[in-house]
Amino acid sequence: MTESAIPPRHVAITGAAGALGSAVVRRFIDDGARVALIDHRLDHLAAVFPGLDPARHLLLEADVSSLESTAAAGSRILGAFGRIDALIHIAGGFEMGEPVHALSRAAWDRMMNLNAWSFVAVTQALVPAMIERKAGRVVAVSAKTASRGAASMAAYIASKSALQRLVEASAAELAPHGIAVNSIAPSVLDTPANRRAMPDADFSQWVDTAVAAQTVAFLASPAAVALHGQHLALDA
């Protein structure tokens, strides 16, 4: 069996304490992987994953928009695991905003840092180790709405569109090194936060986080070896 045909056994997951992140973590743990969980608050990670075996898994606090912070987290992961098979980049942010003609630079920078620059930061920390081994998977979480602008969502949609272009460029750059880069592009995820924000919505039309986690696991698996720079749109 070639290395590329082996399911990922060492997985780093950003945004691990969130609703989607925790579903993805549990999916990979159930599959027998060692996981490095990255979130912006260590106490949040510890609360979401009590009793996680510290001899096998890592809990790491990092700012995914900071090159220095992600580099430090990457060093700890590679020091503990010795290798990384898959990087799952879930961390990001959403907010409604001003119309384009009144958009603030702070809102623009916030969305771009969380949703686009963070992809650059986390891949800088871990992809070079994949290149060394000529194997790996990178999966990002973009958005179905990234394909077209919408009122009061300019900064968010622009940042997710930028993320998709980064995924595509990275896929072209890394395919010759045996690394596949793709994203999932959900419509609306069925999370507690989204239910609170949109209490009158039809939740049955939203994407279950367990289903999204299953798709992430597929993209990180040997079955997705021929996919490069794709954005798998998820709908209920």
Protein backbone atom coordinates (compact mmCIF):
# COMPACT_ATOMS: atom_id res chain seq x y z
CA MET A 1 0.00 0.00 0.00
CA THR A 2 1.43 3.40 -0.98
CA GLU A 3 1.58 6.22 1.55
CA SER A 4 -1.08 8.18 -0.38
CA ALA A 5 -3.49 5.24 0.01
CA ILE A 6 -3.26 5.24 3.81
CA PRO A 7 -6.05 7.11 5.68
CA PRO A 8 -4.77 10.18 7.58
CA ARG A 9 -3.45 9.26 11.00
CA HIS A 10 -2.08 12.64 12.13
CA VAL A 11 -4.58 15.46 11.68
CA ALA A 12 -4.51 19.15 12.65
CA ILE A 13 -7.88 20.90 12.97
CA THR A 14 -8.36 24.64 13.44
CA GLY A 15 -11.55 26.01 14.96
CA ALA A 16 -11.78 22.70 16.77
CA ALA A 17 -13.98 23.89 19.63
CA GLY A 18 -16.78 25.15 17.39
CA ALA A 19 -19.86 23.21 16.35
CA LEU A 20 -18.41 22.00 13.04
CA GLY A 21 -14.91 21.67 14.47
CA SER A 22 -16.02 19.37 17.29
CA ALA A 23 -17.96 17.19 14.83
CA VAL A 24 -14.88 16.90 12.61
CA VAL A 25 -12.65 16.12 15.59
CA ARG A 26 -14.94 13.32 16.72
CA ARG A 27 -15.10 11.91 13.20
CA PHE A 28 -11.30 11.65 12.94
CA ILE A 29 -10.92 10.29 16.48
CA ASP A 30 -13.55 7.65 15.71
CA ASP A 31 -11.47 6.75 12.64
CA GLY A 32 -8.43 6.21 14.86
CA ALA A 33 -6.47 9.36 14.06
CA ARG A 34 -4.28 11.38 16.41
CA VAL A 35 -5.56 14.93 16.37
CA ALA A 36 -4.11 18.33 17.18
CA LEU A 37 -6.95 20.67 18.13
CA ILE A 38 -6.37 24.37 17.58
CA ASP A 39 -8.66 27.11 18.83
CA HIS A 40 -8.29 30.69 20.01
CA ARG A 41 -9.06 29.73 23.63
CA LEU A 42 -7.50 26.76 25.38
CA ASP A 43 -10.14 26.75 28.13
CA HIS A 44 -12.85 26.44 25.48
CA LEU A 45 -11.11 23.42 23.98
CA ALA A 46 -10.74 21.80 27.39
CA ALA A 47 -14.45 22.33 28.11
CA VAL A 48 -15.59 20.86 24.78
CA PHE A 49 -13.21 17.89 24.95
CA PRO A 50 -12.90 16.83 28.60
CA GLY A 51 -10.91 13.68 29.16
CA LEU A 52 -9.12 13.72 25.80
CA ASP A 53 -5.97 11.60 26.14
CA PRO A 54 -3.05 14.11 26.33
CA ALA A 55 -0.57 11.36 25.49
CA ARG A 56 -2.27 10.87 22.13
CA HIS A 57 -3.90 14.19 21.24
CA LEU A 58 -2.93 17.87 21.51
CA LEU A 59 -4.95 20.90 22.64
CA LEU A 60 -3.41 24.13 21.35
CA GLU A 61 -4.32 27.79 21.70
CA ALA A 62 -3.43 29.88 18.66
CA ASP A 63 -4.49 32.96 16.72
CA VAL A 64 -4.98 31.62 13.19
CA SER A 65 -4.54 35.08 11.69
CA SER A 66 -1.02 35.38 13.16
CA LEU A 67 1.98 33.87 11.39
CA GLU A 68 3.92 33.76 14.66
CA SER A 69 1.12 32.05 16.58
CA THR A 70 0.42 29.44 13.90
CA ALA A 71 4.15 28.77 13.44
CA ALA A 72 4.46 28.04 17.17
CA ALA A 73 1.46 25.71 17.04
CA GLY A 74 2.84 23.98 13.96
CA SER A 75 6.19 23.39 15.66
CA ARG A 76 4.47 21.80 18.63
CA ILE A 77 2.37 19.55 16.40
CA LEU A 78 5.31 18.36 14.33
CA GLY A 79 7.41 17.90 17.47
CA ALA A 80 4.74 15.70 19.04
CA PHE A 81 3.50 13.82 15.95
CA GLY A 82 6.60 13.82 13.79
CA ARG A 83 4.42 14.33 10.68
CA ILE A 84 1.10 15.72 9.58
CA ASP A 85 -1.17 13.90 7.14
CA ALA A 86 -4.09 16.31 6.95
CA LEU A 87 -4.75 19.93 7.83
CA ILE A 88 -8.42 20.80 8.29
CA HIS A 89 -8.90 24.57 8.40
CA ILE A 90 -12.31 25.35 9.89
CA ALA A 91 -11.55 28.52 11.88
CA GLY A 92 -13.14 31.64 10.44
CA GLY A 93 -15.83 34.17 11.12
CA PHE A 94 -19.15 35.54 9.92
CA GLU A 95 -20.83 38.86 10.41
CA MET A 96 -23.41 40.94 8.61
CA GLY A 97 -22.02 44.33 7.74
CA GLU A 98 -22.47 47.73 6.22
CA PRO A 99 -23.34 48.29 2.56
CA VAL A 100 -20.33 48.53 0.26
CA HIS A 101 -20.48 52.33 0.06
CA ALA A 102 -20.27 52.54 3.87
CA LEU A 103 -18.01 49.57 4.56
CA SER A 104 -15.46 50.16 7.30
CA ARG A 105 -11.83 49.16 6.92
CA ALA A 106 -12.02 47.43 10.31
CA ALA A 107 -14.88 45.17 9.18
CA TRP A 108 -13.08 44.40 5.90
CA ASP A 109 -9.82 43.55 7.65
CA ARG A 110 -11.58 41.44 10.27
CA MET A 111 -13.26 39.21 7.70
CA MET A 112 -10.21 39.00 5.44
CA ASN A 113 -7.92 38.11 8.35
CA LEU A 114 -10.26 35.45 9.76
CA ASN A 115 -11.37 33.83 6.50
CA ALA A 116 -8.58 34.36 3.97
CA TRP A 117 -5.27 35.31 5.58
CA SER A 118 -5.74 32.58 8.20
CA PHE A 119 -5.49 29.98 5.41
CA VAL A 120 -2.11 31.44 4.45
CA ALA A 121 -0.95 31.40 8.07
CA VAL A 122 -1.91 27.81 8.89
CA THR A 123 -0.60 26.41 5.61
CA GLN A 124 2.72 28.20 6.10
CA ALA A 125 3.00 26.44 9.45
CA LEU A 126 2.28 22.89 8.27
CA VAL A 127 2.39 22.46 4.49
CA PRO A 128 6.23 22.56 4.22
CA ALA A 129 6.32 19.33 6.27
CA MET A 130 3.86 17.77 3.81
CA ILE A 131 6.02 18.87 0.86
CA GLU A 132 8.99 17.18 2.49
CA ARG A 133 7.08 13.89 2.60
CA LYS A 134 5.42 14.37 -0.80
CA ALA A 135 2.01 13.60 0.71
CA GLY A 136 -0.84 15.33 2.48
CA ARG A 137 -4.35 16.74 2.40
CA VAL A 138 -5.56 20.27 3.09
CA VAL A 139 -9.29 20.89 3.53
CA ALA A 140 -10.73 24.36 4.11
CA VAL A 141 -14.26 25.47 4.91
CA SER A 142 -15.43 28.08 2.44
CA ALA A 143 -19.07 28.91 1.73
CA LYS A 144 -21.66 28.35 -0.97
CA THR A 145 -22.39 32.10 -0.89
CA ALA A 146 -18.81 32.79 -2.04
CA SER A 147 -19.96 32.59 -5.66
CA ARG A 148 -22.05 35.77 -5.63
CA GLY A 149 -22.36 39.01 -3.68
CA ALA A 150 -25.30 39.74 -1.38
CA ALA A 151 -26.53 42.83 0.44
CA SER A 152 -24.90 43.60 3.79
CA MET A 153 -22.49 40.66 3.42
CA ALA A 154 -19.83 42.20 1.17
CA ALA A 155 -16.81 41.73 3.44
CA TYR A 156 -17.79 38.19 4.47
CA ILE A 157 -18.51 37.00 0.93
CA ALA A 158 -15.39 38.67 -0.46
CA SER A 159 -13.28 36.96 2.19
CA LYS A 160 -14.77 33.53 1.49
CA SER A 161 -14.34 34.09 -2.25
CA ALA A 162 -10.70 35.01 -1.57
CA LEU A 163 -10.35 31.80 0.43
CA GLN A 164 -11.63 29.78 -2.52
CA ARG A 165 -9.12 31.42 -4.85
CA LEU A 166 -6.34 30.66 -2.35
CA VAL A 167 -7.46 27.03 -2.21
CA GLU A 168 -7.38 26.81 -6.01
CA ALA A 169 -3.95 28.41 -6.27
CA SER A 170 -2.58 26.24 -3.49
CA ALA A 171 -4.03 23.13 -5.15
CA ALA A 172 -2.20 23.93 -8.39
CA GLU A 173 1.04 24.61 -6.54
CA LEU A 174 0.93 21.53 -4.32
CA ALA A 175 -0.47 18.82 -6.60
CA PRO A 176 3.03 18.09 -8.00
CA HIS A 177 4.12 17.41 -4.40
CA GLY A 178 1.41 14.79 -3.82
CA ILE A 179 -0.77 17.15 -1.78
CA ALA A 180 -4.48 17.69 -2.50
CA VAL A 181 -6.14 20.96 -1.48
CA ASN A 182 -9.93 21.39 -1.53
CA SER A 183 -12.78 22.94 0.43
CA ILE A 184 -16.31 22.23 1.48
CA ALA A 185 -18.78 25.03 0.71
CA PRO A 186 -21.85 24.67 2.96
CA SER A 187 -25.00 26.72 2.58
CA VAL A 188 -26.09 27.20 6.22
CA LEU A 189 -24.73 24.88 8.89
CA ASP A 190 -27.15 23.71 11.57
CA THR A 191 -25.37 25.04 14.64
CA PRO A 192 -26.65 26.46 17.95
CA ALA A 193 -25.29 29.89 17.02
CA ASN A 194 -27.11 29.93 13.68
CA ARG A 195 -30.34 28.78 15.33
CA ARG A 196 -30.08 31.62 17.82
CA ALA A 197 -29.37 34.13 15.06
CA MET A 198 -32.18 32.89 12.78
CA PRO A 199 -34.88 31.43 15.07
CA ASP A 200 -37.61 31.59 12.42
CA ALA A 201 -35.67 29.71 9.73
CA ASP A 202 -36.50 26.21 8.50
CA PHE A 203 -33.72 24.23 10.18
CA SER A 204 -34.51 21.17 8.06
CA GLN A 205 -32.98 23.01 5.10
CA TRP A 206 -29.66 23.45 6.87
CA VAL A 207 -26.60 21.20 6.67
CA ASP A 208 -26.03 18.91 9.65
CA THR A 209 -22.52 19.24 11.07
CA ALA A 210 -22.10 15.45 11.11
CA VAL A 211 -22.78 15.38 7.36
CA ALA A 212 -20.27 18.19 6.80
CA ALA A 213 -17.72 16.31 8.92
CA GLN A 214 -18.25 13.22 6.80
CA THR A 215 -17.49 15.25 3.66
CA VAL A 216 -14.35 16.69 5.25
CA ALA A 217 -13.21 13.16 6.12
CA PHE A 218 -13.82 12.12 2.51
CA LEU A 219 -11.67 14.98 1.16
CA ALA A 220 -8.90 13.97 3.57
CA SER A 221 -9.11 10.32 2.52
CA PRO A 222 -7.40 8.35 -0.27
CA ALA A 223 -10.76 8.30 -2.12
CA ALA A 224 -10.32 12.01 -2.93
CA VAL A 225 -6.88 11.61 -4.49
CA ALA A 226 -8.09 12.97 -7.89
CA LEU A 227 -9.73 16.12 -6.46
CA HIS A 228 -7.70 19.34 -6.57
CA GLY A 229 -8.97 22.87 -6.01
CA GLN A 230 -12.60 21.81 -5.69
CA HIS A 231 -15.29 23.36 -3.50
CA LEU A 232 -17.91 20.74 -2.63
CA ALA A 233 -21.21 22.61 -2.17
CA LEU A 234 -23.29 21.19 0.69
CA ASP A 235 -27.05 21.56 0.91
CA ALA A 236 -29.61 19.75 3.06
